[in-house]
N, C-alpha and C. Protein backbone atom coordinates (compact mmCIF):
# COMPACT_ATOMS: atom_id res chain seq x y z
N UNK A 1 76.87 -25.20 123.92
CA UNK A 1 76.97 -26.09 122.79
C UNK A 1 76.86 -25.28 121.49
N UNK A 2 75.83 -24.42 121.43
CA UNK A 2 75.59 -23.67 120.20
C UNK A 2 76.74 -22.71 119.89
N UNK A 3 77.25 -22.08 120.94
CA UNK A 3 78.36 -21.14 120.74
C UNK A 3 79.61 -21.87 120.22
N UNK A 4 79.90 -23.02 120.80
CA UNK A 4 81.05 -23.81 120.33
C UNK A 4 80.86 -24.26 118.88
N UNK A 5 79.63 -24.68 118.56
CA UNK A 5 79.36 -25.12 117.19
C UNK A 5 79.49 -23.97 116.19
N UNK A 6 79.00 -22.78 116.55
CA UNK A 6 79.14 -21.64 115.64
C UNK A 6 80.61 -21.29 115.44
N UNK A 7 81.38 -21.31 116.52
CA UNK A 7 82.82 -21.05 116.38
C UNK A 7 83.47 -22.11 115.48
N UNK A 8 83.05 -23.35 115.63
CA UNK A 8 83.59 -24.45 114.79
C UNK A 8 83.21 -24.24 113.33
N UNK A 9 81.96 -23.90 113.06
CA UNK A 9 81.49 -23.69 111.69
C UNK A 9 82.19 -22.50 111.04
N UNK A 10 82.36 -21.43 111.83
CA UNK A 10 83.01 -20.22 111.30
C UNK A 10 84.53 -20.33 111.25
N UNK A 11 85.09 -21.38 111.83
CA UNK A 11 86.54 -21.56 111.85
C UNK A 11 87.24 -20.65 112.83
N UNK A 12 86.53 -20.24 113.87
CA UNK A 12 87.07 -19.30 114.85
C UNK A 12 87.64 -19.99 116.08
N UNK A 13 87.46 -21.28 116.22
CA UNK A 13 87.94 -21.98 117.41
C UNK A 13 89.39 -22.42 117.22
N UNK A 14 90.09 -22.59 118.34
CA UNK A 14 91.49 -23.02 118.27
C UNK A 14 91.55 -24.53 117.99
N UNK A 15 92.72 -25.06 117.67
CA UNK A 15 92.82 -26.48 117.30
C UNK A 15 92.34 -27.45 118.38
N UNK A 16 92.61 -27.15 119.64
CA UNK A 16 92.14 -28.03 120.72
C UNK A 16 90.61 -28.07 120.76
N UNK A 17 90.00 -26.91 120.60
CA UNK A 17 88.54 -26.82 120.61
C UNK A 17 87.95 -27.55 119.41
N UNK A 18 88.60 -27.43 118.26
CA UNK A 18 88.12 -28.11 117.07
C UNK A 18 88.15 -29.63 117.25
N UNK A 19 89.22 -30.14 117.82
CA UNK A 19 89.31 -31.60 118.02
C UNK A 19 88.24 -32.06 119.02
N UNK A 20 87.97 -31.26 120.06
CA UNK A 20 86.94 -31.61 121.02
C UNK A 20 85.56 -31.63 120.36
N UNK A 21 85.27 -30.63 119.52
CA UNK A 21 83.96 -30.57 118.85
C UNK A 21 83.83 -31.74 117.87
N UNK A 22 84.91 -32.09 117.16
CA UNK A 22 84.85 -33.24 116.23
C UNK A 22 84.55 -34.54 116.97
N UNK A 23 85.19 -34.70 118.13
CA UNK A 23 84.96 -35.90 118.93
C UNK A 23 83.51 -35.95 119.42
N UNK A 24 82.97 -34.77 119.89
CA UNK A 24 81.58 -34.74 120.35
C UNK A 24 80.61 -34.99 119.21
N UNK A 25 80.93 -34.50 118.02
CA UNK A 25 80.06 -34.73 116.86
C UNK A 25 80.05 -36.21 116.47
N UNK A 26 81.19 -36.89 116.66
CA UNK A 26 81.25 -38.30 116.31
C UNK A 26 80.53 -39.17 117.34
N UNK A 27 80.49 -38.73 118.60
CA UNK A 27 79.95 -39.57 119.66
C UNK A 27 78.52 -39.21 120.08
N UNK A 28 78.13 -37.94 120.02
CA UNK A 28 76.86 -37.50 120.61
C UNK A 28 75.84 -37.15 119.52
N UNK A 29 74.66 -37.77 119.62
CA UNK A 29 73.60 -37.52 118.63
C UNK A 29 73.02 -36.11 118.74
N UNK A 30 72.93 -35.57 119.97
CA UNK A 30 72.38 -34.22 120.17
C UNK A 30 73.29 -33.19 119.49
N UNK A 31 74.60 -33.40 119.61
CA UNK A 31 75.56 -32.49 118.96
C UNK A 31 75.45 -32.61 117.44
N UNK A 32 75.31 -33.81 116.96
CA UNK A 32 75.19 -34.02 115.51
C UNK A 32 73.93 -33.34 114.97
N UNK A 33 72.82 -33.50 115.67
CA UNK A 33 71.56 -32.92 115.22
C UNK A 33 71.64 -31.39 115.21
N UNK A 34 72.19 -30.82 116.30
CA UNK A 34 72.31 -29.35 116.38
C UNK A 34 73.27 -28.84 115.32
N UNK A 35 74.34 -29.59 115.06
CA UNK A 35 75.31 -29.21 114.03
C UNK A 35 74.65 -29.18 112.66
N UNK A 36 73.82 -30.14 112.36
CA UNK A 36 73.11 -30.18 111.07
C UNK A 36 72.17 -28.98 110.93
N UNK A 37 71.47 -28.63 112.02
CA UNK A 37 70.57 -27.47 111.98
C UNK A 37 71.34 -26.17 111.73
N UNK A 38 72.46 -26.01 112.45
CA UNK A 38 73.27 -24.79 112.30
C UNK A 38 73.93 -24.72 110.92
N UNK A 39 74.31 -25.86 110.38
CA UNK A 39 74.89 -25.86 109.03
C UNK A 39 73.83 -25.46 107.99
N UNK A 40 72.60 -25.88 108.20
CA UNK A 40 71.52 -25.49 107.28
C UNK A 40 71.29 -23.98 107.35
N UNK A 41 71.31 -23.43 108.55
CA UNK A 41 71.15 -21.98 108.72
C UNK A 41 72.31 -21.24 108.07
N UNK A 42 73.54 -21.74 108.27
CA UNK A 42 74.72 -21.10 107.70
C UNK A 42 74.66 -21.14 106.18
N UNK A 43 74.26 -22.26 105.63
CA UNK A 43 74.15 -22.40 104.17
C UNK A 43 73.10 -21.45 103.62
N UNK A 44 71.97 -21.35 104.31
CA UNK A 44 70.90 -20.46 103.85
C UNK A 44 71.35 -19.00 103.89
N UNK A 45 72.11 -18.67 104.90
CA UNK A 45 72.59 -17.28 105.02
C UNK A 45 73.62 -16.95 103.94
N UNK A 46 74.43 -17.91 103.56
CA UNK A 46 75.47 -17.64 102.56
C UNK A 46 74.89 -17.53 101.16
N UNK A 47 73.83 -18.26 100.87
CA UNK A 47 73.28 -18.25 99.53
C UNK A 47 72.12 -17.27 99.36
N UNK A 48 71.73 -16.64 100.41
CA UNK A 48 70.61 -15.71 100.35
C UNK A 48 71.13 -14.33 99.97
N UNK A 49 70.53 -13.72 98.97
CA UNK A 49 70.93 -12.38 98.56
C UNK A 49 70.22 -11.36 99.43
N UNK A 50 70.93 -10.29 99.72
CA UNK A 50 70.33 -9.23 100.52
C UNK A 50 69.34 -8.44 99.68
N UNK A 51 68.25 -8.09 100.30
CA UNK A 51 67.24 -7.29 99.60
C UNK A 51 67.69 -5.84 99.56
N UNK A 52 67.65 -5.26 98.40
CA UNK A 52 67.96 -3.84 98.26
C UNK A 52 66.69 -3.04 98.52
N UNK A 53 66.82 -1.89 99.16
CA UNK A 53 65.62 -1.09 99.39
C UNK A 53 65.06 -0.59 98.06
N UNK A 54 63.78 -0.35 98.06
CA UNK A 54 63.13 0.12 96.83
C UNK A 54 63.66 1.50 96.46
N UNK A 55 63.43 1.87 95.24
CA UNK A 55 63.90 3.17 94.77
C UNK A 55 63.14 4.31 95.44
N UNK A 56 61.97 4.03 95.94
CA UNK A 56 61.19 5.06 96.61
C UNK A 56 61.40 5.03 98.13
N UNK A 57 62.39 4.33 98.60
CA UNK A 57 62.58 4.17 100.04
C UNK A 57 62.68 5.52 100.75
N UNK A 58 63.53 6.39 100.26
CA UNK A 58 63.72 7.69 100.90
C UNK A 58 62.43 8.48 100.89
N UNK A 59 61.76 8.48 99.76
CA UNK A 59 60.51 9.23 99.67
C UNK A 59 59.46 8.66 100.62
N UNK A 60 59.38 7.33 100.73
CA UNK A 60 58.43 6.70 101.65
C UNK A 60 58.71 7.09 103.09
N UNK A 61 59.98 7.11 103.46
CA UNK A 61 60.36 7.48 104.83
C UNK A 61 59.99 8.93 105.08
N UNK A 62 60.28 9.81 104.14
CA UNK A 62 59.98 11.23 104.32
C UNK A 62 58.47 11.46 104.40
N UNK A 63 57.70 10.70 103.65
CA UNK A 63 56.25 10.83 103.72
C UNK A 63 55.73 10.40 105.09
N UNK A 64 56.32 9.36 105.66
CA UNK A 64 55.91 8.91 106.99
C UNK A 64 56.29 9.94 108.06
N UNK A 65 57.44 10.55 107.90
CA UNK A 65 57.87 11.57 108.86
C UNK A 65 56.96 12.78 108.78
N UNK A 66 56.51 13.13 107.57
CA UNK A 66 55.65 14.30 107.39
C UNK A 66 54.32 14.14 108.11
N UNK A 67 53.92 12.92 108.40
CA UNK A 67 52.66 12.69 109.10
C UNK A 67 52.72 13.10 110.57
N UNK A 68 53.93 13.14 111.13
CA UNK A 68 54.09 13.49 112.54
C UNK A 68 54.10 15.01 112.71
N UNK A 69 53.73 15.45 113.91
CA UNK A 69 53.73 16.87 114.23
C UNK A 69 55.17 17.34 114.44
N UNK A 70 55.56 18.33 113.71
CA UNK A 70 56.92 18.87 113.80
C UNK A 70 56.89 20.05 114.76
N UNK A 71 57.91 20.15 115.61
CA UNK A 71 57.98 21.24 116.56
C UNK A 71 58.04 22.58 115.83
N UNK A 72 57.35 23.60 116.34
CA UNK A 72 57.37 24.90 115.67
C UNK A 72 58.73 25.57 115.82
N UNK A 73 58.96 26.56 115.00
CA UNK A 73 60.22 27.30 115.07
C UNK A 73 60.30 28.03 116.40
N UNK A 74 61.51 28.30 116.84
CA UNK A 74 61.70 28.91 118.16
C UNK A 74 61.06 30.30 118.24
N UNK A 75 60.91 30.98 117.13
CA UNK A 75 60.32 32.31 117.17
C UNK A 75 58.88 32.27 117.64
N UNK A 76 58.21 31.14 117.44
CA UNK A 76 56.80 31.08 117.81
C UNK A 76 56.58 30.76 119.28
N UNK A 77 57.52 30.15 119.95
CA UNK A 77 57.26 29.80 121.35
C UNK A 77 58.18 30.49 122.35
N UNK A 78 59.05 31.37 121.91
CA UNK A 78 59.85 32.17 122.85
C UNK A 78 59.09 33.47 123.09
N UNK A 79 58.84 33.76 124.34
CA UNK A 79 58.11 34.96 124.70
C UNK A 79 59.03 36.17 124.54
N UNK A 80 58.67 37.07 123.66
CA UNK A 80 59.52 38.24 123.40
C UNK A 80 59.56 39.18 124.59
N UNK A 81 58.53 39.18 125.42
CA UNK A 81 58.53 40.04 126.60
C UNK A 81 59.60 39.60 127.60
N UNK A 82 59.87 38.30 127.68
CA UNK A 82 60.93 37.82 128.56
C UNK A 82 62.29 38.33 128.06
N UNK A 83 62.49 38.25 126.76
CA UNK A 83 63.75 38.75 126.18
C UNK A 83 63.88 40.25 126.42
N UNK A 84 62.79 40.98 126.22
CA UNK A 84 62.83 42.43 126.46
C UNK A 84 63.12 42.73 127.93
N UNK A 85 62.54 41.93 128.83
CA UNK A 85 62.79 42.13 130.27
C UNK A 85 64.25 41.90 130.63
N UNK A 86 64.84 40.85 130.07
CA UNK A 86 66.26 40.57 130.33
C UNK A 86 67.12 41.70 129.78
N UNK A 87 66.78 42.18 128.57
CA UNK A 87 67.53 43.29 127.98
C UNK A 87 67.40 44.53 128.84
N UNK A 88 66.20 44.83 129.30
CA UNK A 88 66.00 46.01 130.15
C UNK A 88 66.79 45.88 131.45
N UNK A 89 66.81 44.69 132.03
CA UNK A 89 67.56 44.48 133.27
C UNK A 89 69.04 44.80 133.07
N UNK A 90 69.62 44.27 131.99
CA UNK A 90 71.05 44.51 131.78
C UNK A 90 71.33 45.96 131.40
N UNK A 91 70.43 46.59 130.68
CA UNK A 91 70.64 48.01 130.37
C UNK A 91 70.58 48.86 131.63
N UNK A 92 69.64 48.56 132.52
CA UNK A 92 69.55 49.28 133.80
C UNK A 92 70.81 49.04 134.62
N UNK A 93 71.32 47.83 134.61
CA UNK A 93 72.54 47.54 135.36
C UNK A 93 73.74 48.29 134.78
N UNK A 94 73.82 48.39 133.48
CA UNK A 94 74.93 49.14 132.85
C UNK A 94 74.82 50.61 133.19
N UNK A 95 73.61 51.15 133.11
CA UNK A 95 73.42 52.57 133.46
C UNK A 95 73.78 52.79 134.93
N UNK A 96 73.36 51.87 135.80
CA UNK A 96 73.71 51.98 137.21
C UNK A 96 75.21 51.92 137.43
N UNK A 97 75.91 51.09 136.66
CA UNK A 97 77.36 51.00 136.78
C UNK A 97 78.01 52.31 136.33
N UNK A 98 77.50 52.89 135.26
CA UNK A 98 78.03 54.18 134.80
C UNK A 98 77.80 55.27 135.83
N UNK A 99 76.62 55.27 136.45
CA UNK A 99 76.35 56.25 137.51
C UNK A 99 77.30 56.04 138.68
N UNK A 100 77.56 54.80 139.02
CA UNK A 100 78.52 54.49 140.10
C UNK A 100 79.91 55.02 139.77
N UNK A 101 80.36 54.82 138.51
CA UNK A 101 81.68 55.33 138.12
C UNK A 101 81.73 56.84 138.18
N UNK A 102 80.69 57.50 137.65
CA UNK A 102 80.69 58.96 137.68
C UNK A 102 80.61 59.48 139.11
N UNK A 103 79.99 58.72 140.00
CA UNK A 103 79.94 59.11 141.40
C UNK A 103 81.28 59.01 142.09
N UNK A 104 82.20 58.25 141.54
CA UNK A 104 83.53 58.11 142.13
C UNK A 104 84.47 59.25 141.75
N UNK A 105 84.11 60.00 140.73
CA UNK A 105 84.95 61.12 140.30
C UNK A 105 84.83 62.28 141.28
N UNK A 106 85.91 63.05 141.37
CA UNK A 106 85.91 64.27 142.19
C UNK A 106 85.68 65.43 141.25
N UNK A 107 84.47 65.94 141.28
CA UNK A 107 84.11 67.04 140.39
C UNK A 107 84.49 68.35 141.07
N UNK A 108 85.09 69.22 140.31
CA UNK A 108 85.43 70.55 140.85
C UNK A 108 84.71 71.60 140.02
N UNK A 109 84.27 72.60 140.69
CA UNK A 109 83.52 73.66 140.03
C UNK A 109 84.41 74.88 139.87
N UNK A 110 84.37 75.45 138.68
CA UNK A 110 85.11 76.70 138.45
C UNK A 110 84.07 77.81 138.40
N UNK A 111 84.27 78.76 139.24
CA UNK A 111 83.29 79.85 139.27
C UNK A 111 83.65 80.88 138.21
N UNK A 112 82.70 81.17 137.42
CA UNK A 112 82.85 82.21 136.39
C UNK A 112 81.66 83.13 136.47
N UNK A 113 81.65 84.07 135.62
CA UNK A 113 80.54 85.01 135.61
C UNK A 113 79.32 84.43 134.91
N UNK A 114 79.44 83.23 134.31
CA UNK A 114 78.31 82.61 133.63
C UNK A 114 77.28 82.15 134.66
N UNK A 115 76.06 82.06 134.23
CA UNK A 115 75.00 81.58 135.11
C UNK A 115 75.10 80.07 135.36
N UNK A 116 75.65 79.33 134.40
CA UNK A 116 75.78 77.88 134.53
C UNK A 116 77.21 77.57 134.97
N UNK A 117 77.37 76.90 136.12
CA UNK A 117 78.74 76.57 136.56
C UNK A 117 79.37 75.52 135.63
N UNK A 118 80.65 75.59 135.49
CA UNK A 118 81.39 74.67 134.64
C UNK A 118 82.10 73.66 135.54
N UNK A 119 81.94 72.38 135.23
CA UNK A 119 82.56 71.33 136.01
C UNK A 119 83.69 70.71 135.20
N UNK A 120 84.71 70.30 135.92
CA UNK A 120 85.83 69.63 135.25
C UNK A 120 86.31 68.50 136.15
N UNK A 121 86.95 67.56 135.53
CA UNK A 121 87.49 66.41 136.26
C UNK A 121 89.00 66.55 136.29
N UNK A 122 89.55 66.44 137.48
CA UNK A 122 91.00 66.50 137.62
C UNK A 122 91.54 65.09 137.34
N UNK A 123 92.13 64.91 136.18
CA UNK A 123 92.58 63.59 135.76
C UNK A 123 93.67 63.03 136.66
N UNK A 124 94.43 63.88 137.29
CA UNK A 124 95.50 63.41 138.17
C UNK A 124 94.96 62.79 139.46
N UNK A 125 93.76 63.20 139.86
CA UNK A 125 93.19 62.70 141.10
C UNK A 125 92.27 61.50 140.91
N UNK A 126 92.09 61.06 139.65
CA UNK A 126 91.23 59.90 139.42
C UNK A 126 91.89 58.65 139.98
N UNK A 127 91.11 57.86 140.71
CA UNK A 127 91.61 56.62 141.28
C UNK A 127 90.75 55.48 140.72
N UNK A 128 91.19 54.92 139.60
CA UNK A 128 90.42 53.85 138.97
C UNK A 128 90.43 52.60 139.83
N UNK A 129 91.44 52.41 140.61
CA UNK A 129 91.49 51.24 141.49
C UNK A 129 90.36 51.26 142.50
N UNK A 130 89.97 52.42 142.93
CA UNK A 130 88.86 52.52 143.89
C UNK A 130 87.54 52.11 143.24
N UNK A 131 87.38 52.44 141.97
CA UNK A 131 86.12 52.12 141.29
C UNK A 131 86.09 50.68 140.81
N UNK A 132 87.23 50.14 140.45
CA UNK A 132 87.25 48.81 139.83
C UNK A 132 87.87 47.72 140.69
N UNK A 133 88.04 47.95 141.98
CA UNK A 133 88.70 46.94 142.80
C UNK A 133 87.74 45.88 143.31
N UNK A 134 86.46 46.05 143.12
CA UNK A 134 85.47 45.10 143.63
C UNK A 134 85.34 43.93 142.66
N UNK A 135 85.40 42.71 143.17
CA UNK A 135 85.29 41.51 142.33
C UNK A 135 83.94 41.44 141.64
N UNK A 136 82.89 41.83 142.34
CA UNK A 136 81.56 41.78 141.74
C UNK A 136 81.44 42.72 140.55
N UNK A 137 82.06 43.89 140.65
CA UNK A 137 82.04 44.84 139.53
C UNK A 137 82.77 44.24 138.33
N UNK A 138 83.91 43.61 138.58
CA UNK A 138 84.67 43.00 137.48
C UNK A 138 83.90 41.86 136.82
N UNK A 139 83.26 41.03 137.62
CA UNK A 139 82.46 39.93 137.06
C UNK A 139 81.29 40.49 136.25
N UNK A 140 80.65 41.53 136.79
CA UNK A 140 79.54 42.15 136.08
C UNK A 140 79.98 42.73 134.74
N UNK A 141 81.10 43.40 134.73
CA UNK A 141 81.62 43.96 133.48
C UNK A 141 81.94 42.83 132.49
N UNK A 142 82.55 41.76 132.95
CA UNK A 142 82.89 40.64 132.08
C UNK A 142 81.63 40.02 131.46
N UNK A 143 80.61 39.80 132.26
CA UNK A 143 79.36 39.23 131.75
C UNK A 143 78.73 40.15 130.71
N UNK A 144 78.74 41.44 130.99
CA UNK A 144 78.15 42.38 130.04
C UNK A 144 78.94 42.47 128.74
N UNK A 145 80.25 42.36 128.82
CA UNK A 145 81.06 42.36 127.60
C UNK A 145 80.75 41.13 126.77
N UNK A 146 80.67 39.97 127.41
CA UNK A 146 80.34 38.73 126.68
C UNK A 146 78.96 38.83 126.05
N UNK A 147 77.98 39.29 126.81
CA UNK A 147 76.63 39.44 126.27
C UNK A 147 76.60 40.47 125.14
N UNK A 148 77.42 41.50 125.25
CA UNK A 148 77.51 42.48 124.17
C UNK A 148 78.06 41.86 122.90
N UNK A 149 79.07 41.02 123.03
CA UNK A 149 79.62 40.34 121.86
C UNK A 149 78.60 39.39 121.24
N UNK A 150 77.83 38.71 122.07
CA UNK A 150 76.79 37.82 121.55
C UNK A 150 75.74 38.63 120.80
N UNK A 151 75.34 39.76 121.37
CA UNK A 151 74.36 40.62 120.71
C UNK A 151 74.90 41.15 119.39
N UNK A 152 76.16 41.55 119.37
CA UNK A 152 76.79 42.03 118.13
C UNK A 152 76.84 40.91 117.09
N UNK A 153 77.16 39.70 117.52
CA UNK A 153 77.20 38.56 116.61
C UNK A 153 75.83 38.29 116.01
N UNK A 154 74.80 38.30 116.84
CA UNK A 154 73.43 38.08 116.34
C UNK A 154 73.04 39.18 115.35
N UNK A 155 73.38 40.41 115.67
CA UNK A 155 73.06 41.53 114.80
C UNK A 155 73.75 41.37 113.44
N UNK A 156 75.03 41.01 113.46
CA UNK A 156 75.77 40.86 112.21
C UNK A 156 75.27 39.66 111.41
N UNK A 157 74.85 38.58 112.10
CA UNK A 157 74.28 37.43 111.38
C UNK A 157 72.97 37.81 110.71
N UNK A 158 72.12 38.54 111.41
CA UNK A 158 70.86 38.97 110.81
C UNK A 158 71.09 39.91 109.65
N UNK A 159 72.07 40.77 109.78
CA UNK A 159 72.39 41.72 108.71
C UNK A 159 72.93 40.95 107.49
N UNK A 160 73.73 39.92 107.74
CA UNK A 160 74.28 39.12 106.65
C UNK A 160 73.18 38.34 105.93
N UNK A 161 72.21 37.80 106.70
CA UNK A 161 71.10 37.05 106.09
C UNK A 161 70.22 37.94 105.22
N UNK A 162 70.00 39.15 105.71
CA UNK A 162 69.10 40.05 104.97
C UNK A 162 69.77 40.63 103.72
N UNK A 163 71.09 40.61 103.67
CA UNK A 163 71.80 41.19 102.51
C UNK A 163 71.87 40.22 101.35
């Protein structure tokens, strides 16, 4: 009943619905009474001016927010030892990868009269496919390159802030 009456008051109902509501209003006292109540509410809403917030509204809200505990900056709750450990892990992995690559080279020694032997790498015999054909090595290199770019970005952002 109320939904039909609101549609009738707002002019949102179709002509058939409007004629039905008019007939019910003419015949039924409950419909008439509810219609009068809803018309009073509609009239009050149309003539009532909206309250504007006070000029101090923003300041009042900010003062209320200031009363709550604000989360500390990330620098205070991130453990730097964890970051150092992750950095050490990746540095050790990079060094291990470099040792693996150097282990794949065929080193040849040239004997001379010097006390220290001289080593050289025969570039024609290098087989990069043997060193880089492993999927895990490729994924590891990709992750380290991405992390390197992130580290470079952070370094450049800090350098830009300090300048």
